[in-house]
Full PDB file with SEQRES, HELIX, SHEET, SSBOND, CRYST1, ORIGX, SCALE, CONECT and MASTER records, all heavy atoms in Angstrom:
SEQRES   1 A   41  LEU GLU PRO ASP ALA LYS ASP ALA THR ALA ALA ALA ALA          
SEQRES   2 A   41  GLN ARG SER PHE LEU HIS VAL ARG GLU ALA PHE MET GLU          
SEQRES   3 A   41  ALA SER ASP ASP ARG ILE HIS PHE VAL GLY ALA PRO ASP          
SEQRES   4 A   41  PRO ARG                                                      
HELIX    1 AA1 ALA A    8  ALA A   10  5                                   3    
HELIX    2 AA2 ALA A   11  ASP A   29  1                                  19    
CRYST1    1.000    1.000    1.000  90.00  90.00  90.00 P 1           1          
ORIGX1      1.000000  0.000000  0.000000        0.00000                         
ORIGX2      0.000000  1.000000  0.000000        0.00000                         
ORIGX3      0.000000  0.000000  1.000000        0.00000                         
SCALE1      1.000000  0.000000  0.000000        0.00000                         
SCALE2      0.000000  1.000000  0.000000        0.00000                         
SCALE3      0.000000  0.000000  1.000000        0.00000                         
ATOM      1  N   LEU A   1      87.298 118.245 110.296  1.00  0.00           N  
ATOM      2  CA  LEU A   1      86.294 119.350 110.522  1.00  0.00           C  
ATOM      3  C   LEU A   1      86.847 120.645 109.856  1.00  0.00           C  
ATOM      4  O   LEU A   1      87.937 121.096 110.132  1.00  0.00           O  
ATOM      5  CB  LEU A   1      86.103 119.544 111.956  1.00  0.00           C  
ATOM      6  CG  LEU A   1      85.080 120.593 112.314  1.00  0.00           C  
ATOM      7  CD1 LEU A   1      83.688 120.175 111.975  1.00  0.00           C  
ATOM      8  CD2 LEU A   1      85.100 120.998 113.852  1.00  0.00           C  
ATOM      9  N   GLU A   2      86.017 121.190 108.984  1.00  0.00           N  
ATOM     10  CA  GLU A   2      86.312 122.522 108.485  1.00  0.00           C  
ATOM     11  C   GLU A   2      85.831 123.574 109.461  1.00  0.00           C  
ATOM     12  O   GLU A   2      84.604 123.591 109.797  1.00  0.00           O  
ATOM     13  CB  GLU A   2      85.584 122.733 107.103  1.00  0.00           C  
ATOM     14  CG  GLU A   2      85.839 124.105 106.538  1.00  0.00           C  
ATOM     15  CD  GLU A   2      85.048 124.388 105.253  1.00  0.00           C  
ATOM     16  OE1 GLU A   2      84.531 123.428 104.698  1.00  0.00           O  
ATOM     17  OE2 GLU A   2      84.984 125.570 104.888  1.00  0.00           O  
ATOM     18  N   PRO A   3      86.647 124.422 109.939  1.00  0.00           N  
ATOM     19  CA  PRO A   3      86.234 125.456 110.911  1.00  0.00           C  
ATOM     20  C   PRO A   3      85.244 126.448 110.239  1.00  0.00           C  
ATOM     21  O   PRO A   3      85.345 126.680 109.083  1.00  0.00           O  
ATOM     22  CB  PRO A   3      87.580 126.154 111.326  1.00  0.00           C  
ATOM     23  CG  PRO A   3      88.603 125.188 110.978  1.00  0.00           C  
ATOM     24  CD  PRO A   3      88.129 124.475 109.743  1.00  0.00           C  
ATOM     25  N   ASP A   4      84.346 126.961 111.073  1.00  0.00           N  
ATOM     26  CA  ASP A   4      83.435 127.970 110.645  1.00  0.00           C  
ATOM     27  C   ASP A   4      84.148 129.311 110.392  1.00  0.00           C  
ATOM     28  O   ASP A   4      84.727 129.895 111.335  1.00  0.00           O  
ATOM     29  CB  ASP A   4      82.334 128.134 111.740  1.00  0.00           C  
ATOM     30  CG  ASP A   4      81.189 129.014 111.260  1.00  0.00           C  
ATOM     31  OD1 ASP A   4      81.325 129.664 110.203  1.00  0.00           O  
ATOM     32  OD2 ASP A   4      80.158 129.060 111.988  1.00  0.00           O  
ATOM     33  N   ALA A   5      84.142 129.774 109.164  1.00  0.00           N  
ATOM     34  CA  ALA A   5      84.815 131.007 108.840  1.00  0.00           C  
ATOM     35  C   ALA A   5      84.266 132.209 109.566  1.00  0.00           C  
ATOM     36  O   ALA A   5      84.976 133.231 109.726  1.00  0.00           O  
ATOM     37  CB  ALA A   5      84.739 131.254 107.301  1.00  0.00           C  
ATOM     38  N   LYS A   6      83.051 132.067 110.046  1.00  0.00           N  
ATOM     39  CA  LYS A   6      82.446 133.221 110.788  1.00  0.00           C  
ATOM     40  C   LYS A   6      82.860 133.269 112.300  1.00  0.00           C  
ATOM     41  O   LYS A   6      82.598 134.231 112.933  1.00  0.00           O  
ATOM     42  CB  LYS A   6      80.918 133.112 110.728  1.00  0.00           C  
ATOM     43  CG  LYS A   6      80.367 133.092 109.299  1.00  0.00           C  
ATOM     44  CD  LYS A   6      78.885 132.894 109.286  1.00  0.00           C  
ATOM     45  CE  LYS A   6      78.344 132.878 107.863  1.00  0.00           C  
ATOM     46  NZ  LYS A   6      76.847 132.626 107.839  1.00  0.00           N  
ATOM     47  N   ASP A   7      83.477 132.170 112.729  1.00  0.00           N  
ATOM     48  CA  ASP A   7      83.912 132.146 114.119  1.00  0.00           C  
ATOM     49  C   ASP A   7      85.264 132.878 114.266  1.00  0.00           C  
ATOM     50  O   ASP A   7      86.310 132.364 113.755  1.00  0.00           O  
ATOM     51  CB  ASP A   7      84.029 130.677 114.570  1.00  0.00           C  
ATOM     52  CG  ASP A   7      84.260 130.564 116.065  1.00  0.00           C  
ATOM     53  OD1 ASP A   7      84.658 131.581 116.672  1.00  0.00           O  
ATOM     54  OD2 ASP A   7      84.094 129.429 116.584  1.00  0.00           O  
ATOM     55  N   ALA A   8      85.281 133.963 114.961  1.00  0.00           N  
ATOM     56  CA  ALA A   8      86.502 134.810 115.104  1.00  0.00           C  
ATOM     57  C   ALA A   8      87.572 134.051 115.860  1.00  0.00           C  
ATOM     58  O   ALA A   8      88.757 134.374 115.773  1.00  0.00           O  
ATOM     59  CB  ALA A   8      86.167 136.111 115.717  1.00  0.00           C  
ATOM     60  N   THR A   9      87.192 133.057 116.718  1.00  0.00           N  
ATOM     61  CA  THR A   9      88.178 132.366 117.544  1.00  0.00           C  
ATOM     62  C   THR A   9      88.812 131.173 116.831  1.00  0.00           C  
ATOM     63  O   THR A   9      89.640 130.459 117.398  1.00  0.00           O  
ATOM     64  CB  THR A   9      87.535 131.895 118.839  1.00  0.00           C  
ATOM     65  OG1 THR A   9      86.535 130.915 118.535  1.00  0.00           O  
ATOM     66  CG2 THR A   9      86.874 133.039 119.571  1.00  0.00           C  
ATOM     67  N   ALA A  10      88.364 130.951 115.597  1.00  0.00           N  
ATOM     68  CA  ALA A  10      88.792 129.716 114.890  1.00  0.00           C  
ATOM     69  C   ALA A  10      89.943 129.908 113.934  1.00  0.00           C  
ATOM     70  O   ALA A  10      90.210 129.060 113.059  1.00  0.00           O  
ATOM     71  CB  ALA A  10      87.600 129.070 114.229  1.00  0.00           C  
ATOM     72  N   ALA A  11      90.676 130.987 114.027  1.00  0.00           N  
ATOM     73  CA  ALA A  11      91.711 131.319 113.003  1.00  0.00           C  
ATOM     74  C   ALA A  11      92.817 130.251 113.081  1.00  0.00           C  
ATOM     75  O   ALA A  11      93.317 129.792 112.023  1.00  0.00           O  
ATOM     76  CB  ALA A  11      92.310 132.692 113.316  1.00  0.00           C  
ATOM     77  N   ALA A  12      93.234 129.870 114.284  1.00  0.00           N  
ATOM     78  CA  ALA A  12      94.333 128.858 114.447  1.00  0.00           C  
ATOM     79  C   ALA A  12      93.841 127.554 113.903  1.00  0.00           C  
ATOM     80  O   ALA A  12      94.587 126.804 113.219  1.00  0.00           O  
ATOM     81  CB  ALA A  12      94.766 128.735 115.846  1.00  0.00           C  
ATOM     82  N   ALA A  13      92.607 127.187 114.204  1.00  0.00           N  
ATOM     83  CA  ALA A  13      92.039 125.874 113.743  1.00  0.00           C  
ATOM     84  C   ALA A  13      91.928 125.935 112.200  1.00  0.00           C  
ATOM     85  O   ALA A  13      92.125 124.882 111.572  1.00  0.00           O  
ATOM     86  CB  ALA A  13      90.685 125.680 114.359  1.00  0.00           C  
ATOM     87  N   GLN A  14      91.617 127.109 111.638  1.00  0.00           N  
ATOM     88  CA  GLN A  14      91.553 127.223 110.188  1.00  0.00           C  
ATOM     89  C   GLN A  14      92.953 126.916 109.565  1.00  0.00           C  
ATOM     90  O   GLN A  14      93.033 126.243 108.513  1.00  0.00           O  
ATOM     91  CB  GLN A  14      91.111 128.647 109.815  1.00  0.00           C  
ATOM     92  CG  GLN A  14      90.952 128.848 108.318  1.00  0.00           C  
ATOM     93  CD  GLN A  14      89.726 128.069 107.760  1.00  0.00           C  
ATOM     94  OE1 GLN A  14      88.825 127.802 108.450  1.00  0.00           O  
ATOM     95  NE2 GLN A  14      89.820 127.763 106.426  1.00  0.00           N  
ATOM     96  N   ARG A  15      93.993 127.407 110.174  1.00  0.00           N  
ATOM     97  CA  ARG A  15      95.356 127.188 109.652  1.00  0.00           C  
ATOM     98  C   ARG A  15      95.647 125.688 109.729  1.00  0.00           C  
ATOM     99  O   ARG A  15      96.281 125.110 108.780  1.00  0.00           O  
ATOM    100  CB  ARG A  15      96.405 127.962 110.480  1.00  0.00           C  
ATOM    101  CG  ARG A  15      96.326 129.473 110.149  1.00  0.00           C  
ATOM    102  CD  ARG A  15      97.536 130.184 110.737  1.00  0.00           C  
ATOM    103  NE  ARG A  15      97.583 130.141 112.191  1.00  0.00           N  
ATOM    104  CZ  ARG A  15      97.029 131.031 112.970  1.00  0.00           C  
ATOM    105  NH1 ARG A  15      96.322 132.086 112.327  1.00  0.00           N  
ATOM    106  NH2 ARG A  15      97.063 131.003 114.246  1.00  0.00           N  
ATOM    107  N   SER A  16      95.265 125.029 110.789  1.00  0.00           N  
ATOM    108  CA  SER A  16      95.460 123.571 110.967  1.00  0.00           C  
ATOM    109  C   SER A  16      94.742 122.826 109.863  1.00  0.00           C  
ATOM    110  O   SER A  16      95.270 121.898 109.265  1.00  0.00           O  
ATOM    111  CB  SER A  16      95.032 123.115 112.355  1.00  0.00           C  
ATOM    112  OG  SER A  16      95.776 123.727 113.373  1.00  0.00           O  
ATOM    113  N   PHE A  17      93.524 123.243 109.603  1.00  0.00           N  
ATOM    114  CA  PHE A  17      92.752 122.581 108.605  1.00  0.00           C  
ATOM    115  C   PHE A  17      93.350 122.708 107.207  1.00  0.00           C  
ATOM    116  O   PHE A  17      93.479 121.768 106.427  1.00  0.00           O  
ATOM    117  CB  PHE A  17      91.316 123.210 108.567  1.00  0.00           C  
ATOM    118  CG  PHE A  17      90.457 122.761 107.396  1.00  0.00           C  
ATOM    119  CD1 PHE A  17      89.881 121.526 107.357  1.00  0.00           C  
ATOM    120  CD2 PHE A  17      90.239 123.581 106.293  1.00  0.00           C  
ATOM    121  CE1 PHE A  17      89.124 121.141 106.332  1.00  0.00           C  
ATOM    122  CE2 PHE A  17      89.491 123.262 105.232  1.00  0.00           C  
ATOM    123  CZ  PHE A  17      88.925 121.958 105.237  1.00  0.00           C  
ATOM    124  N   LEU A  18      93.813 123.901 106.900  1.00  0.00           N  
ATOM    125  CA  LEU A  18      94.453 124.200 105.577  1.00  0.00           C  
ATOM    126  C   LEU A  18      95.755 123.373 105.473  1.00  0.00           C  
ATOM    127  O   LEU A  18      96.114 122.884 104.369  1.00  0.00           O  
ATOM    128  CB  LEU A  18      94.747 125.682 105.407  1.00  0.00           C  
ATOM    129  CG  LEU A  18      93.480 126.563 105.284  1.00  0.00           C  
ATOM    130  CD1 LEU A  18      93.885 128.037 105.247  1.00  0.00           C  
ATOM    131  CD2 LEU A  18      92.648 126.176 104.074  1.00  0.00           C  
ATOM    132  N   HIS A  19      96.494 123.246 106.585  1.00  0.00           N  
ATOM    133  CA  HIS A  19      97.720 122.458 106.529  1.00  0.00           C  
ATOM    134  C   HIS A  19      97.479 121.002 106.203  1.00  0.00           C  
ATOM    135  O   HIS A  19      98.130 120.386 105.381  1.00  0.00           O  
ATOM    136  CB  HIS A  19      98.465 122.609 107.867  1.00  0.00           C  
ATOM    137  CG  HIS A  19      99.649 121.708 108.025  1.00  0.00           C  
ATOM    138  ND1 HIS A  19     100.745 121.817 107.251  1.00  0.00           N  
ATOM    139  CD2 HIS A  19      99.872 120.662 108.879  1.00  0.00           C  
ATOM    140  CE1 HIS A  19     101.623 120.890 107.674  1.00  0.00           C  
ATOM    141  NE2 HIS A  19     101.116 120.117 108.559  1.00  0.00           N  
ATOM    142  N   VAL A  20      96.410 120.429 106.840  1.00  0.00           N  
ATOM    143  CA  VAL A  20      96.106 119.067 106.622  1.00  0.00           C  
ATOM    144  C   VAL A  20      95.565 118.887 105.165  1.00  0.00           C  
ATOM    145  O   VAL A  20      95.867 117.856 104.485  1.00  0.00           O  
ATOM    146  CB  VAL A  20      95.072 118.524 107.619  1.00  0.00           C  
ATOM    147  CG1 VAL A  20      94.656 117.101 107.311  1.00  0.00           C  
ATOM    148  CG2 VAL A  20      95.595 118.636 108.989  1.00  0.00           C  
ATOM    149  N   ARG A  21      94.753 119.849 104.679  1.00  0.00           N  
ATOM    150  CA  ARG A  21      94.268 119.774 103.364  1.00  0.00           C  
ATOM    151  C   ARG A  21      95.408 119.774 102.340  1.00  0.00           C  
ATOM    152  O   ARG A  21      95.414 119.004 101.312  1.00  0.00           O  
ATOM    153  CB  ARG A  21      93.326 120.934 103.056  1.00  0.00           C  
ATOM    154  CG  ARG A  21      92.608 120.771 101.694  1.00  0.00           C  
ATOM    155  CD  ARG A  21      91.560 121.868 101.537  1.00  0.00           C  
ATOM    156  NE  ARG A  21      92.141 123.215 101.369  1.00  0.00           N  
ATOM    157  CZ  ARG A  21      91.497 124.331 101.166  1.00  0.00           C  
ATOM    158  NH1 ARG A  21      90.122 124.238 101.077  1.00  0.00           N  
ATOM    159  NH2 ARG A  21      92.030 125.465 101.074  1.00  0.00           N  
ATOM    160  N   GLU A  22      96.350 120.574 102.606  1.00  0.00           N  
ATOM    161  CA  GLU A  22      97.559 120.598 101.681  1.00  0.00           C  
ATOM    162  C   GLU A  22      98.301 119.315 101.763  1.00  0.00           C  
ATOM    163  O   GLU A  22      98.703 118.772 100.736  1.00  0.00           O  
ATOM    164  CB  GLU A  22      98.502 121.743 102.094  1.00  0.00           C  
ATOM    165  CG  GLU A  22      99.750 121.875 101.228  1.00  0.00           C  
ATOM    166  CD  GLU A  22     100.659 122.991 101.699  1.00  0.00           C  
ATOM    167  OE1 GLU A  22     100.284 123.728 102.615  1.00  0.00           O  
ATOM    168  OE2 GLU A  22     101.792 123.119 101.144  1.00  0.00           O  
ATOM    169  N   ALA A  23      98.481 118.698 102.948  1.00  0.00           N  
ATOM    170  CA  ALA A  23      99.146 117.402 103.045  1.00  0.00           C  
ATOM    171  C   ALA A  23      98.369 116.352 102.318  1.00  0.00           C  
ATOM    172  O   ALA A  23      98.942 115.431 101.685  1.00  0.00           O  
ATOM    173  CB  ALA A  23      99.271 116.980 104.508  1.00  0.00           C  
ATOM    174  N   PHE A  24      97.039 116.424 102.410  1.00  0.00           N  
ATOM    175  CA  PHE A  24      96.164 115.443 101.701  1.00  0.00           C  
ATOM    176  C   PHE A  24      96.391 115.487 100.167  1.00  0.00           C  
ATOM    177  O   PHE A  24      96.526 114.487  99.506  1.00  0.00           O  
ATOM    178  CB  PHE A  24      94.729 115.692 101.993  1.00  0.00           C  
ATOM    179  CG  PHE A  24      93.741 114.769 101.320  1.00  0.00           C  
ATOM    180  CD1 PHE A  24      93.386 113.557 101.901  1.00  0.00           C  
ATOM    181  CD2 PHE A  24      93.215 115.134 100.083  1.00  0.00           C  
ATOM    182  CE1 PHE A  24      92.471 112.736 101.250  1.00  0.00           C  
ATOM    183  CE2 PHE A  24      92.315 114.290  99.440  1.00  0.00           C  
ATOM    184  CZ  PHE A  24      91.943 113.064 100.014  1.00  0.00           C  
ATOM    185  N   MET A  25      96.463 116.723  99.664  1.00  0.00           N  
ATOM    186  CA  MET A  25      96.619 116.913  98.207  1.00  0.00           C  
ATOM    187  C   MET A  25      98.040 116.403  97.814  1.00  0.00           C  
ATOM    188  O   MET A  25      98.209 115.795  96.722  1.00  0.00           O  
ATOM    189  CB  MET A  25      96.399 118.351  97.798  1.00  0.00           C  
ATOM    190  CG  MET A  25      94.999 118.916  98.160  1.00  0.00           C  
ATOM    191  SD  MET A  25      93.654 117.793  97.567  1.00  0.00           S  
ATOM    192  CE  MET A  25      93.906 117.911  95.834  1.00  0.00           C  
ATOM    193  N   GLU A  26      99.068 116.703  98.593  1.00  0.00           N  
ATOM    194  CA  GLU A  26     100.409 116.238  98.281  1.00  0.00           C  
ATOM    195  C   GLU A  26     100.444 114.682  98.244  1.00  0.00           C  
ATOM    196  O   GLU A  26     101.072 114.059  97.420  1.00  0.00           O  
ATOM    197  CB  GLU A  26     101.412 116.763  99.295  1.00  0.00           C  
ATOM    198  CG  GLU A  26     101.648 118.255  99.178  1.00  0.00           C  
ATOM    199  CD  GLU A  26     102.622 118.779 100.238  1.00  0.00           C  
ATOM    200  OE1 GLU A  26     103.053 117.937 101.066  1.00  0.00           O  
ATOM    201  OE2 GLU A  26     102.949 119.953 100.218  1.00  0.00           O  
ATOM    202  N   ALA A  27      99.732 114.118  99.243  1.00  0.00           N  
ATOM    203  CA  ALA A  27      99.763 112.614  99.370  1.00  0.00           C  
ATOM    204  C   ALA A  27      99.100 112.037  98.158  1.00  0.00           C  
ATOM    205  O   ALA A  27      99.463 110.952  97.692  1.00  0.00           O  
ATOM    206  CB  ALA A  27      99.064 112.221 100.625  1.00  0.00           C  
ATOM    207  N   SER A  28      98.049 112.712  97.609  1.00  0.00           N  
ATOM    208  CA  SER A  28      97.350 112.203  96.475  1.00  0.00           C  
ATOM    209  C   SER A  28      98.282 112.187  95.223  1.00  0.00           C  
ATOM    210  O   SER A  28      98.130 111.356  94.309  1.00  0.00           O  
ATOM    211  CB  SER A  28      96.100 112.962  96.187  1.00  0.00           C  
ATOM    212  OG  SER A  28      95.209 112.881  97.268  1.00  0.00           O  
ATOM    213  N   ASP A  29      99.229 113.103  95.177  1.00  0.00           N  
ATOM    214  CA  ASP A  29     100.071 113.227  94.026  1.00  0.00           C  
ATOM    215  C   ASP A  29     101.394 112.435  94.139  1.00  0.00           C  
ATOM    216  O   ASP A  29     102.057 112.174  93.187  1.00  0.00           O  
ATOM    217  CB  ASP A  29     100.493 114.724  93.760  1.00  0.00           C  
ATOM    218  CG  ASP A  29      99.243 115.523  93.390  1.00  0.00           C  
ATOM    219  OD1 ASP A  29      98.265 114.955  92.823  1.00  0.00           O  
ATOM    220  OD2 ASP A  29      99.296 116.760  93.633  1.00  0.00           O  
ATOM    221  N   ASP A  30     101.736 112.068  95.420  1.00  0.00           N  
ATOM    222  CA  ASP A  30     103.004 111.347  95.637  1.00  0.00           C  
ATOM    223  C   ASP A  30     102.981 109.986  94.995  1.00  0.00           C  
ATOM    224  O   ASP A  30     101.960 109.350  94.718  1.00  0.00           O  
ATOM    225  CB  ASP A  30     103.241 111.173  97.159  1.00  0.00           C  
ATOM    226  CG  ASP A  30     103.783 112.428  97.759  1.00  0.00           C  
ATOM    227  OD1 ASP A  30     104.163 113.355  96.997  1.00  0.00           O  
ATOM    228  OD2 ASP A  30     103.868 112.525  99.003  1.00  0.00           O  
ATOM    229  N   ARG A  31     104.235 109.478  94.670  1.00  0.00           N  
ATOM    230  CA  ARG A  31     104.403 108.151  94.120  1.00  0.00           C  
ATOM    231  C   ARG A  31     105.361 107.366  95.019  1.00  0.00           C  
ATOM    232  O   ARG A  31     106.337 107.948  95.574  1.00  0.00           O  
ATOM    233  CB  ARG A  31     104.932 108.245  92.704  1.00  0.00           C  
ATOM    234  CG  ARG A  31     104.029 108.899  91.656  1.00  0.00           C  
ATOM    235  CD  ARG A  31     102.785 108.091  91.489  1.00  0.00           C  
ATOM    236  NE  ARG A  31     101.970 108.614  90.441  1.00  0.00           N  
ATOM    237  CZ  ARG A  31     100.952 109.440  90.519  1.00  0.00           C  
ATOM    238  NH1 ARG A  31     100.677 109.922  91.805  1.00  0.00           N  
ATOM    239  NH2 ARG A  31     100.176 109.869  89.574  1.00  0.00           N  
ATOM    240  N   ILE A  32     105.122 106.089  95.121  1.00  0.00           N  
ATOM    241  CA  ILE A  32     106.063 105.179  95.818  1.00  0.00           C  
ATOM    242  C   ILE A  32     107.170 104.849  94.833  1.00  0.00           C  
ATOM    243  O   ILE A  32     106.970 104.612  93.687  1.00  0.00           O  
ATOM    244  CB  ILE A  32     105.371 103.864  96.271  1.00  0.00           C  
ATOM    245  CG1 ILE A  32     104.332 104.187  97.319  1.00  0.00           C  
ATOM    246  CG2 ILE A  32     106.349 102.848  96.773  1.00  0.00           C  
ATOM    247  CD1 ILE A  32     104.835 104.435  98.699  1.00  0.00           C  
ATOM    248  N   HIS A  33     108.374 104.875  95.374  1.00  0.00           N  
ATOM    249  CA  HIS A  33     109.596 104.573  94.472  1.00  0.00           C  
ATOM    250  C   HIS A  33     109.750 103.056  94.337  1.00  0.00           C  
ATOM    251  O   HIS A  33     110.598 102.483  94.957  1.00  0.00           O  
ATOM    252  CB  HIS A  33     110.806 105.193  95.136  1.00  0.00           C  
ATOM    253  CG  HIS A  33     112.026 105.116  94.236  1.00  0.00           C  
ATOM    254  ND1 HIS A  33     112.325 106.133  93.336  1.00  0.00           N  
ATOM    255  CD2 HIS A  33     112.953 104.191  94.073  1.00  0.00           C  
ATOM    256  CE1 HIS A  33     113.417 105.793  92.668  1.00  0.00           C  
ATOM    257  NE2 HIS A  33     113.824 104.629  93.137  1.00  0.00           N  
ATOM    258  N   PHE A  34     108.939 102.490  93.457  1.00  0.00           N  
ATOM    259  CA  PHE A  34     109.141 101.131  93.077  1.00  0.00           C  
ATOM    260  C   PHE A  34     110.027 101.069  91.869  1.00  0.00           C  
ATOM    261  O   PHE A  34     110.057 102.032  91.033  1.00  0.00           O  
ATOM    262  CB  PHE A  34     107.810 100.431  92.734  1.00  0.00           C  
ATOM    263  CG  PHE A  34     106.995 100.007  93.923  1.00  0.00           C  
ATOM    264  CD1 PHE A  34     105.830 100.632  94.206  1.00  0.00           C  
ATOM    265  CD2 PHE A  34     107.396  98.933  94.693  1.00  0.00           C  
ATOM    266  CE1 PHE A  34     105.073 100.220  95.301  1.00  0.00           C  
ATOM    267  CE2 PHE A  34     106.715  98.579  95.792  1.00  0.00           C  
ATOM    268  CZ  PHE A  34     105.513  99.205  96.099  1.00  0.00           C  
ATOM    269  N   VAL A  35     110.758 100.002  91.642  1.00  0.00           N  
ATOM    270  CA  VAL A  35     111.596  99.778  90.487  1.00  0.00           C  
ATOM    271  C   VAL A  35     110.896  98.800  89.628  1.00  0.00           C  
ATOM    272  O   VAL A  35     110.482  97.774  90.054  1.00  0.00           O  
ATOM    273  CB  VAL A  35     112.991  99.297  90.832  1.00  0.00           C  
ATOM    274  CG1 VAL A  35     113.821  98.992  89.610  1.00  0.00           C  
ATOM    275  CG2 VAL A  35     113.737 100.302  91.721  1.00  0.00           C  
ATOM    276  N   GLY A  36     110.720  99.125  88.339  1.00  0.00           N  
ATOM    277  CA  GLY A  36     110.070  98.193  87.419  1.00  0.00           C  
ATOM    278  C   GLY A  36     108.842  98.772  86.773  1.00  0.00           C  
ATOM    279  O   GLY A  36     108.934  99.858  86.165  1.00  0.00           O  
ATOM    280  N   ALA A  37     107.677  98.113  86.898  1.00  0.00           N  
ATOM    281  CA  ALA A  37     106.495  98.548  86.197  1.00  0.00           C  
ATOM    282  C   ALA A  37     106.084  99.947  86.732  1.00  0.00           C  
ATOM    283  O   ALA A  37     106.259 100.300  87.920  1.00  0.00           O  
ATOM    284  CB  ALA A  37     105.350  97.543  86.456  1.00  0.00           C  
ATOM    285  N   PRO A  38     105.420 100.738  85.844  1.00  0.00           N  
ATOM    286  CA  PRO A  38     104.981 102.089  86.285  1.00  0.00           C  
ATOM    287  C   PRO A  38     103.856 102.064  87.299  1.00  0.00           C  
ATOM    288  O   PRO A  38     103.198 100.999  87.467  1.00  0.00           O  
ATOM    289  CB  PRO A  38     104.523 102.756  84.988  1.00  0.00           C  
ATOM    290  CG  PRO A  38     104.180 101.570  84.085  1.00  0.00           C  
ATOM    291  CD  PRO A  38     105.137 100.491  84.469  1.00  0.00           C  
ATOM    292  N   ASP A  39     103.615 103.116  87.965  1.00  0.00           N  
ATOM    293  CA  ASP A  39     102.556 103.235  88.905  1.00  0.00           C  
ATOM    294  C   ASP A  39     101.261 103.048  88.151  1.00  0.00           C  
ATOM    295  O   ASP A  39     101.053 103.671  87.124  1.00  0.00           O  
ATOM    296  CB  ASP A  39     102.565 104.603  89.622  1.00  0.00           C  
ATOM    297  CG  ASP A  39     101.612 104.732  90.781  1.00  0.00           C  
ATOM    298  OD1 ASP A  39     100.374 104.558  90.525  1.00  0.00           O  
ATOM    299  OD2 ASP A  39     102.073 104.935  91.887  1.00  0.00           O  
ATOM    300  N   PRO A  40     100.344 102.138  88.648  1.00  0.00           N  
ATOM    301  CA  PRO A  40      99.075 101.943  87.870  1.00  0.00           C  
ATOM    302  C   PRO A  40      98.303 103.174  87.708  1.00  0.00           C  
ATOM    303  O   PRO A  40      97.497 103.269  86.735  1.00  0.00           O  
ATOM    304  CB  PRO A  40      98.333 100.867  88.774  1.00  0.00           C  
ATOM    305  CG  PRO A  40      98.983 101.014  90.126  1.00  0.00           C  
ATOM    306  CD  PRO A  40     100.419 101.330  89.863  1.00  0.00           C  
ATOM    307  N   ARG A  41      98.453 104.133  88.554  1.00  0.00           N  
ATOM    308  CA  ARG A  41      97.703 105.456  88.383  1.00  0.00           C  
ATOM    309  C   ARG A  41      98.165 106.242  87.162  1.00  0.00           C  
ATOM    310  O   ARG A  41      97.524 107.172  86.787  1.00  0.00           O  
ATOM    311  CB  ARG A  41      97.757 106.235  89.691  1.00  0.00           C  
ATOM    312  CG  ARG A  41      97.051 105.566  90.866  1.00  0.00           C  
ATOM    313  CD  ARG A  41      97.358 106.348  92.128  1.00  0.00           C  
ATOM    314  NE  ARG A  41      98.760 106.336  92.418  1.00  0.00           N  
ATOM    315  CZ  ARG A  41      99.406 107.262  93.088  1.00  0.00           C  
ATOM    316  NH1 ARG A  41      98.715 108.360  93.503  1.00  0.00           N  
ATOM    317  NH2 ARG A  41     100.688 107.158  93.350  1.00  0.00           N  
TER     318      ARG A  41                                                      
MASTER        0    0    0    2    0    0    0    6  317    1    0    4          
END                                                                             
C-alpha cells in the first residue's frame, strides 16, 4: 500500500513504504553467486 501523501498522520507509514520499495529495487538488481554459466538475465 502506498500511503496517501495528503494524510498528515501517514509520515511513518510513508517511510516504511519507501524502505520496502528500495529493498524491492535492490532485490531486482541482486545476483545469486553461482559458479559457472552467467546469470541468464
